[in-house]
Amino acid sequence: MTYQKFSERQKSPTRRFLSILGLVMFVLYFFIGVSIIFWEEFPLLYGVERIWKVAFGVLLIAYSFFRFVRLINQQNHD
């Protein structure tokens, strides 16, 4: 009986891979957002005003949390 419950809860390799990929993308977006905010001479945004760098960094961090919440909701739904 407990084996059946465990096997029903166990994820397929595809779902497990997509969950790990979603977590990696959350960390990646968060790290890029933080690095844009705190790295003064970020290579891709060199010459852009600081206020726009902070705005873009905050946007990336907010998007990363949006993706994380969707990932958690998808985990709870399945």
PDB file of N, CA and C in Angstrom:
ATOM      1  N   MET A   1       0.822  -1.193   0.000  1.00  0.00           N
ATOM      2  CA  MET A   1       0.000   0.000   0.000  1.00  0.00           C
ATOM      3  C   MET A   1       0.869   1.262   0.000  1.00  0.00           C
ATOM      4  N   THR A   2       1.879   1.318   0.838  1.00  0.00           N
ATOM      5  CA  THR A   2       2.729   2.498   0.854  1.00  0.00           C
ATOM      6  C   THR A   2       3.534   2.596  -0.433  1.00  0.00           C
ATOM      7  N   TYR A   3       3.880   1.457  -1.036  1.00  0.00           N
ATOM      8  CA  TYR A   3       4.627   1.500  -2.291  1.00  0.00           C
ATOM      9  C   TYR A   3       3.790   2.139  -3.386  1.00  0.00           C
ATOM     10  N   GLN A   4       2.482   1.823  -3.433  1.00  0.00           N
ATOM     11  CA  GLN A   4       1.617   2.421  -4.444  1.00  0.00           C
ATOM     12  C   GLN A   4       1.517   3.932  -4.261  1.00  0.00           C
ATOM     13  N   LYS A   5       1.401   4.384  -3.031  1.00  0.00           N
ATOM     14  CA  LYS A   5       1.318   5.815  -2.787  1.00  0.00           C
ATOM     15  C   LYS A   5       2.603   6.502  -3.225  1.00  0.00           C
ATOM     16  N   PHE A   6       3.749   5.873  -2.950  1.00  0.00           N
ATOM     17  CA  PHE A   6       5.020   6.455  -3.347  1.00  0.00           C
ATOM     18  C   PHE A   6       5.158   6.472  -4.856  1.00  0.00           C
ATOM     19  N   SER A   7       4.772   5.405  -5.511  1.00  0.00           N
ATOM     20  CA  SER A   7       4.922   5.353  -6.964  1.00  0.00           C
ATOM     21  C   SER A   7       3.971   6.314  -7.653  1.00  0.00           C
ATOM     22  N   GLU A   8       2.809   6.608  -7.048  1.00  0.00           N
ATOM     23  CA  GLU A   8       1.898   7.575  -7.639  1.00  0.00           C
ATOM     24  C   GLU A   8       2.432   8.993  -7.491  1.00  0.00           C
ATOM     25  N   ARG A   9       3.144   9.266  -6.395  1.00  0.00           N
ATOM     26  CA  ARG A   9       3.691  10.593  -6.166  1.00  0.00           C
ATOM     27  C   ARG A   9       4.990  10.819  -6.926  1.00  0.00           C
ATOM     28  N   GLN A  10       5.663   9.757  -7.308  1.00  0.00           N
ATOM     29  CA  GLN A  10       6.962   9.893  -7.959  1.00  0.00           C
ATOM     30  C   GLN A  10       6.793  10.533  -9.334  1.00  0.00           C
ATOM     31  N   LYS A  11       7.679  11.461  -9.650  1.00  0.00           N
ATOM     32  CA  LYS A  11       7.596  12.187 -10.910  1.00  0.00           C
ATOM     33  C   LYS A  11       8.282  11.413 -12.024  1.00  0.00           C
ATOM     34  N   SER A  12       7.825  11.671 -13.215  1.00  0.00           N
ATOM     35  CA  SER A  12       8.494  11.094 -14.371  1.00  0.00           C
ATOM     36  C   SER A  12       9.813  11.832 -14.580  1.00  0.00           C
ATOM     37  N   PRO A  13      10.752  11.213 -15.280  1.00  0.00           N
ATOM     38  CA  PRO A  13      12.036  11.895 -15.527  1.00  0.00           C
ATOM     39  C   PRO A  13      11.872  13.227 -16.257  1.00  0.00           C
ATOM     40  N   THR A  14      10.888  13.325 -17.133  1.00  0.00           N
ATOM     41  CA  THR A  14      10.664  14.583 -17.847  1.00  0.00           C
ATOM     42  C   THR A  14      10.218  15.671 -16.893  1.00  0.00           C
ATOM     43  N   ARG A  15       9.264  15.357 -16.012  1.00  0.00           N
ATOM     44  CA  ARG A  15       8.785  16.346 -15.040  1.00  0.00           C
ATOM     45  C   ARG A  15       9.896  16.746 -14.077  1.00  0.00           C
ATOM     46  N   ARG A  16      10.692  15.799 -13.670  1.00  0.00           N
ATOM     47  CA  ARG A  16      11.800  16.091 -12.769  1.00  0.00           C
ATOM     48  C   ARG A  16      12.805  17.014 -13.452  1.00  0.00           C
ATOM     49  N   PHE A  17      13.120  16.739 -14.712  1.00  0.00           N
ATOM     50  CA  PHE A  17      14.042  17.579 -15.469  1.00  0.00           C
ATOM     51  C   PHE A  17      13.494  18.997 -15.619  1.00  0.00           C
ATOM     52  N   LEU A  18      12.207  19.124 -15.940  1.00  0.00           N
ATOM     53  CA  LEU A  18      11.609  20.447 -16.104  1.00  0.00           C
ATOM     54  C   LEU A  18      11.557  21.203 -14.778  1.00  0.00           C
ATOM     55  N   SER A  19      11.371  20.492 -13.677  1.00  0.00           N
ATOM     56  CA  SER A  19      11.384  21.147 -12.371  1.00  0.00           C
ATOM     57  C   SER A  19      12.775  21.683 -12.053  1.00  0.00           C
ATOM     58  N   ILE A  20      13.784  20.876 -12.321  1.00  0.00           N
ATOM     59  CA  ILE A  20      15.165  21.318 -12.076  1.00  0.00           C
ATOM     60  C   ILE A  20      15.518  22.471 -13.005  1.00  0.00           C
ATOM     61  N   LEU A  21      15.103  22.397 -14.259  1.00  0.00           N
ATOM     62  CA  LEU A  21      15.351  23.480 -15.204  1.00  0.00           C
ATOM     63  C   LEU A  21      14.661  24.771 -14.763  1.00  0.00           C
ATOM     64  N   GLY A  22      13.451  24.668 -14.253  1.00  0.00           N
ATOM     65  CA  GLY A  22      12.746  25.838 -13.743  1.00  0.00           C
ATOM     66  C   GLY A  22      13.462  26.459 -12.563  1.00  0.00           C
ATOM     67  N   LEU A  23      13.990  25.626 -11.677  1.00  0.00           N
ATOM     68  CA  LEU A  23      14.744  26.127 -10.526  1.00  0.00           C
ATOM     69  C   LEU A  23      16.038  26.795 -10.969  1.00  0.00           C
ATOM     70  N   VAL A  24      16.722  26.205 -11.943  1.00  0.00           N
ATOM     71  CA  VAL A  24      17.959  26.793 -12.467  1.00  0.00           C
ATOM     72  C   VAL A  24      17.672  28.141 -13.126  1.00  0.00           C
ATOM     73  N   MET A  25      16.575  28.240 -13.859  1.00  0.00           N
ATOM     74  CA  MET A  25      16.238  29.500 -14.511  1.00  0.00           C
ATOM     75  C   MET A  25      15.877  30.573 -13.482  1.00  0.00           C
ATOM     76  N   PHE A  26      15.216  30.176 -12.385  1.00  0.00           N
ATOM     77  CA  PHE A  26      14.932  31.126 -11.308  1.00  0.00           C
ATOM     78  C   PHE A  26      16.226  31.700 -10.744  1.00  0.00           C
ATOM     79  N   VAL A  27      17.173  30.819 -10.438  1.00  0.00           N
ATOM     80  CA  VAL A  27      18.456  31.268  -9.883  1.00  0.00           C
ATOM     81  C   VAL A  27      19.204  32.131 -10.891  1.00  0.00           C
ATOM     82  N   LEU A  28      19.169  31.761 -12.167  1.00  0.00           N
ATOM     83  CA  LEU A  28      19.867  32.519 -13.202  1.00  0.00           C
ATOM     84  C   LEU A  28      19.300  33.937 -13.349  1.00  0.00           C
ATOM     85  N   TYR A  29      17.976  34.054 -13.452  1.00  0.00           N
ATOM     86  CA  TYR A  29      17.364  35.377 -13.570  1.00  0.00           C
ATOM     87  C   TYR A  29      17.634  36.225 -12.330  1.00  0.00           C
ATOM     88  N   PHE A  30      17.547  35.606 -11.158  1.00  0.00           N
ATOM     89  CA  PHE A  30      17.801  36.336  -9.914  1.00  0.00           C
ATOM     90  C   PHE A  30      19.245  36.831  -9.872  1.00  0.00           C
ATOM     91  N   PHE A  31      20.197  35.963 -10.215  1.00  0.00           N
ATOM     92  CA  PHE A  31      21.610  36.332 -10.193  1.00  0.00           C
ATOM     93  C   PHE A  31      21.911  37.442 -11.201  1.00  0.00           C
ATOM     94  N   ILE A  32      21.352  37.354 -12.391  1.00  0.00           N
ATOM     95  CA  ILE A  32      21.585  38.398 -13.392  1.00  0.00           C
ATOM     96  C   ILE A  32      20.989  39.726 -12.924  1.00  0.00           C
ATOM     97  N   GLY A  33      19.803  39.695 -12.330  1.00  0.00           N
ATOM     98  CA  GLY A  33      19.197  40.921 -11.829  1.00  0.00           C
ATOM     99  C   GLY A  33      20.029  41.574 -10.740  1.00  0.00           C
ATOM    100  N   VAL A  34      20.524  40.770  -9.796  1.00  0.00           N
ATOM    101  CA  VAL A  34      21.360  41.306  -8.719  1.00  0.00           C
ATOM    102  C   VAL A  34      22.680  41.829  -9.273  1.00  0.00           C
ATOM    103  N   SER A  35      23.259  41.117 -10.216  1.00  0.00           N
ATOM    104  CA  SER A  35      24.539  41.559 -10.765  1.00  0.00           C
ATOM    105  C   SER A  35      24.382  42.845 -11.569  1.00  0.00           C
ATOM    106  N   ILE A  36      23.271  43.030 -12.265  1.00  0.00           N
ATOM    107  CA  ILE A  36      23.039  44.277 -12.997  1.00  0.00           C
ATOM    108  C   ILE A  36      22.916  45.441 -12.024  1.00  0.00           C
ATOM    109  N   ILE A  37      22.263  45.210 -10.896  1.00  0.00           N
ATOM    110  CA  ILE A  37      22.079  46.296  -9.926  1.00  0.00           C
ATOM    111  C   ILE A  37      23.400  46.680  -9.270  1.00  0.00           C
ATOM    112  N   PHE A  38      24.194  45.703  -8.853  1.00  0.00           N
ATOM    113  CA  PHE A  38      25.362  46.012  -8.038  1.00  0.00           C
ATOM    114  C   PHE A  38      26.682  46.091  -8.806  1.00  0.00           C
ATOM    115  N   TRP A  39      26.739  45.598 -10.040  1.00  0.00           N
ATOM    116  CA  TRP A  39      27.966  45.654 -10.824  1.00  0.00           C
ATOM    117  C   TRP A  39      27.950  46.949 -11.621  1.00  0.00           C
ATOM    118  N   GLU A  40      28.823  47.862 -11.250  1.00  0.00           N
ATOM    119  CA  GLU A  40      28.820  49.203 -11.844  1.00  0.00           C
ATOM    120  C   GLU A  40      29.041  49.174 -13.353  1.00  0.00           C
ATOM    121  N   GLU A  41      29.966  48.383 -13.828  1.00  0.00           N
ATOM    122  CA  GLU A  41      30.291  48.345 -15.260  1.00  0.00           C
ATOM    123  C   GLU A  41      29.868  47.019 -15.883  1.00  0.00           C
ATOM    124  N   PHE A  42      28.590  46.700 -15.745  1.00  0.00           N
ATOM    125  CA  PHE A  42      28.058  45.479 -16.340  1.00  0.00           C
ATOM    126  C   PHE A  42      28.288  45.538 -17.848  1.00  0.00           C
ATOM    127  N   PRO A  43      28.920  44.514 -18.423  1.00  0.00           N
ATOM    128  CA  PRO A  43      29.366  44.592 -19.822  1.00  0.00           C
ATOM    129  C   PRO A  43      28.277  44.890 -20.847  1.00  0.00           C
ATOM    130  N   LEU A  44      27.101  44.337 -20.687  1.00  0.00           N
ATOM    131  CA  LEU A  44      26.067  44.540 -21.698  1.00  0.00           C
ATOM    132  C   LEU A  44      25.349  45.874 -21.562  1.00  0.00           C
ATOM    133  N   LEU A  45      25.439  46.493 -20.389  1.00  0.00           N
ATOM    134  CA  LEU A  45      24.744  47.755 -20.157  1.00  0.00           C
ATOM    135  C   LEU A  45      25.723  48.882 -19.854  1.00  0.00           C
ATOM    136  N   TYR A  46      26.877  48.845 -20.476  1.00  0.00           N
ATOM    137  CA  TYR A  46      27.876  49.872 -20.239  1.00  0.00           C
ATOM    138  C   TYR A  46      27.414  51.180 -20.865  1.00  0.00           C
ATOM    139  N   GLY A  47      27.420  52.246 -20.090  1.00  0.00           N
ATOM    140  CA  GLY A  47      26.997  53.542 -20.585  1.00  0.00           C
ATOM    141  C   GLY A  47      25.538  53.863 -20.323  1.00  0.00           C
ATOM    142  N   VAL A  48      24.784  52.919 -19.789  1.00  0.00           N
ATOM    143  CA  VAL A  48      23.377  53.154 -19.474  1.00  0.00           C
ATOM    144  C   VAL A  48      23.303  53.791 -18.092  1.00  0.00           C
ATOM    145  N   GLU A  49      22.371  54.715 -17.905  1.00  0.00           N
ATOM    146  CA  GLU A  49      22.230  55.387 -16.622  1.00  0.00           C
ATOM    147  C   GLU A  49      21.896  54.396 -15.520  1.00  0.00           C
ATOM    148  N   ARG A  50      22.339  54.709 -14.309  1.00  0.00           N
ATOM    149  CA  ARG A  50      22.173  53.808 -13.157  1.00  0.00           C
ATOM    150  C   ARG A  50      20.706  53.519 -12.860  1.00  0.00           C
ATOM    151  N   ILE A  51      19.838  54.507 -13.002  1.00  0.00           N
ATOM    152  CA  ILE A  51      18.421  54.302 -12.692  1.00  0.00           C
ATOM    153  C   ILE A  51      17.804  53.238 -13.591  1.00  0.00           C
ATOM    154  N   TRP A  52      18.223  53.190 -14.859  1.00  0.00           N
ATOM    155  CA  TRP A  52      17.698  52.187 -15.785  1.00  0.00           C
ATOM    156  C   TRP A  52      18.264  50.806 -15.488  1.00  0.00           C
ATOM    157  N   LYS A  53      19.515  50.767 -15.032  1.00  0.00           N
ATOM    158  CA  LYS A  53      20.097  49.482 -14.631  1.00  0.00           C
ATOM    159  C   LYS A  53      19.354  48.917 -13.432  1.00  0.00           C
ATOM    160  N   VAL A  54      19.079  49.768 -12.454  1.00  0.00           N
ATOM    161  CA  VAL A  54      18.356  49.311 -11.261  1.00  0.00           C
ATOM    162  C   VAL A  54      16.940  48.867 -11.637  1.00  0.00           C
ATOM    163  N   ALA A  55      16.283  49.622 -12.498  1.00  0.00           N
ATOM    164  CA  ALA A  55      14.931  49.258 -12.923  1.00  0.00           C
ATOM    165  C   ALA A  55      14.929  47.916 -13.648  1.00  0.00           C
ATOM    166  N   PHE A  56      15.885  47.717 -14.535  1.00  0.00           N
ATOM    167  CA  PHE A  56      15.958  46.449 -15.265  1.00  0.00           C
ATOM    168  C   PHE A  56      16.298  45.292 -14.327  1.00  0.00           C
ATOM    169  N   GLY A  57      17.198  45.523 -13.369  1.00  0.00           N
ATOM    170  CA  GLY A  57      17.546  44.501 -12.400  1.00  0.00           C
ATOM    171  C   GLY A  57      16.370  44.115 -11.526  1.00  0.00           C
ATOM    172  N   VAL A  58      15.610  45.107 -11.074  1.00  0.00           N
ATOM    173  CA  VAL A  58      14.420  44.830 -10.262  1.00  0.00           C
ATOM    174  C   VAL A  58      13.385  44.070 -11.084  1.00  0.00           C
ATOM    175  N   LEU A  59      13.238  44.431 -12.340  1.00  0.00           N
ATOM    176  CA  LEU A  59      12.313  43.716 -13.220  1.00  0.00           C
ATOM    177  C   LEU A  59      12.719  42.251 -13.372  1.00  0.00           C
ATOM    178  N   LEU A  60      13.997  41.994 -13.548  1.00  0.00           N
ATOM    179  CA  LEU A  60      14.461  40.605 -13.668  1.00  0.00           C
ATOM    180  C   LEU A  60      14.251  39.835 -12.369  1.00  0.00           C
ATOM    181  N   ILE A  61      14.489  40.468 -11.232  1.00  0.00           N
ATOM    182  CA  ILE A  61      14.282  39.794  -9.947  1.00  0.00           C
ATOM    183  C   ILE A  61      12.801  39.494  -9.745  1.00  0.00           C
ATOM    184  N   ALA A  62      11.936  40.444 -10.084  1.00  0.00           N
ATOM    185  CA  ALA A  62      10.495  40.206  -9.961  1.00  0.00           C
ATOM    186  C   ALA A  62      10.058  39.073 -10.888  1.00  0.00           C
ATOM    187  N   TYR A  63      10.600  39.040 -12.094  1.00  0.00           N
ATOM    188  CA  TYR A  63      10.264  37.967 -13.032  1.00  0.00           C
ATOM    189  C   TYR A  63      10.748  36.613 -12.522  1.00  0.00           C
ATOM    190  N   SER A  64      11.917  36.606 -11.879  1.00  0.00           N
ATOM    191  CA  SER A  64      12.416  35.340 -11.347  1.00  0.00           C
ATOM    192  C   SER A  64      11.495  34.821 -10.249  1.00  0.00           C
ATOM    193  N   PHE A  65      10.992  35.716  -9.391  1.00  0.00           N
ATOM    194  CA  PHE A  65      10.061  35.270  -8.350  1.00  0.00           C
ATOM    195  C   PHE A  65       8.720  34.846  -8.938  1.00  0.00           C
ATOM    196  N   PHE A  66       8.290  35.499 -10.000  1.00  0.00           N
ATOM    197  CA  PHE A  66       7.073  35.078 -10.697  1.00  0.00           C
ATOM    198  C   PHE A  66       7.220  33.654 -11.228  1.00  0.00           C
ATOM    199  N   ARG A  67       8.365  33.366 -11.827  1.00  0.00           N
ATOM    200  CA  ARG A  67       8.620  32.009 -12.332  1.00  0.00           C
ATOM    201  C   ARG A  67       8.673  30.996 -11.195  1.00  0.00           C
ATOM    202  N   PHE A  68       9.268  31.398 -10.059  1.00  0.00           N
ATOM    203  CA  PHE A  68       9.374  30.506  -8.922  1.00  0.00           C
ATOM    204  C   PHE A  68       7.991  30.184  -8.347  1.00  0.00           C
ATOM    205  N   VAL A  69       7.136  31.180  -8.243  1.00  0.00           N
ATOM    206  CA  VAL A  69       5.779  30.945  -7.734  1.00  0.00           C
ATOM    207  C   VAL A  69       5.013  30.026  -8.673  1.00  0.00           C
ATOM    208  N   ARG A  70       5.158  30.233  -9.975  1.00  0.00           N
ATOM    209  CA  ARG A  70       4.509  29.336 -10.934  1.00  0.00           C
ATOM    210  C   ARG A  70       5.023  27.910 -10.803  1.00  0.00           C
ATOM    211  N   LEU A  71       6.329  27.764 -10.571  1.00  0.00           N
ATOM    212  CA  LEU A  71       6.916  26.441 -10.399  1.00  0.00           C
ATOM    213  C   LEU A  71       6.355  25.754  -9.155  1.00  0.00           C
ATOM    214  N   ILE A  72       6.256  26.489  -8.062  1.00  0.00           N
ATOM    215  CA  ILE A  72       5.727  25.923  -6.814  1.00  0.00           C
ATOM    216  C   ILE A  72       4.251  25.556  -6.992  1.00  0.00           C
ATOM    217  N   ASN A  73       3.467  26.423  -7.625  1.00  0.00           N
ATOM    218  CA  ASN A  73       2.052  26.120  -7.854  1.00  0.00           C
ATOM    219  C   ASN A  73       1.872  24.907  -8.750  1.00  0.00           C
ATOM    220  N   GLN A  74       2.744  24.753  -9.729  1.00  0.00           N
ATOM    221  CA  GLN A  74       2.669  23.598 -10.614  1.00  0.00           C
ATOM    222  C   GLN A  74       3.018  22.326  -9.843  1.00  0.00           C
ATOM    223  N   GLN A  75       3.982  22.404  -8.940  1.00  0.00           N
ATOM    224  CA  GLN A  75       4.367  21.250  -8.130  1.00  0.00           C
ATOM    225  C   GLN A  75       3.203  20.823  -7.233  1.00  0.00           C
ATOM    226  N   ASN A  76       2.522  21.800  -6.632  1.00  0.00           N
ATOM    227  CA  ASN A  76       1.407  21.494  -5.732  1.00  0.00           C
ATOM    228  C   ASN A  76       0.198  20.980  -6.498  1.00  0.00           C
ATOM    229  N   HIS A  77       0.031  21.439  -7.728  1.00  0.00           N
ATOM    230  CA  HIS A  77      -1.103  21.011  -8.538  1.00  0.00           C
ATOM    231  C   HIS A  77      -0.943  19.559  -9.005  1.00  0.00           C
ATOM    232  N   ASP A  78       0.280  19.173  -9.336  1.00  0.00           N
ATOM    233  CA  ASP A  78       0.550  17.804  -9.830  1.00  0.00           C
ATOM    234  C   ASP A  78       0.640  16.836  -8.717  1.00  0.00           C
TER     235      ASP A  78
END
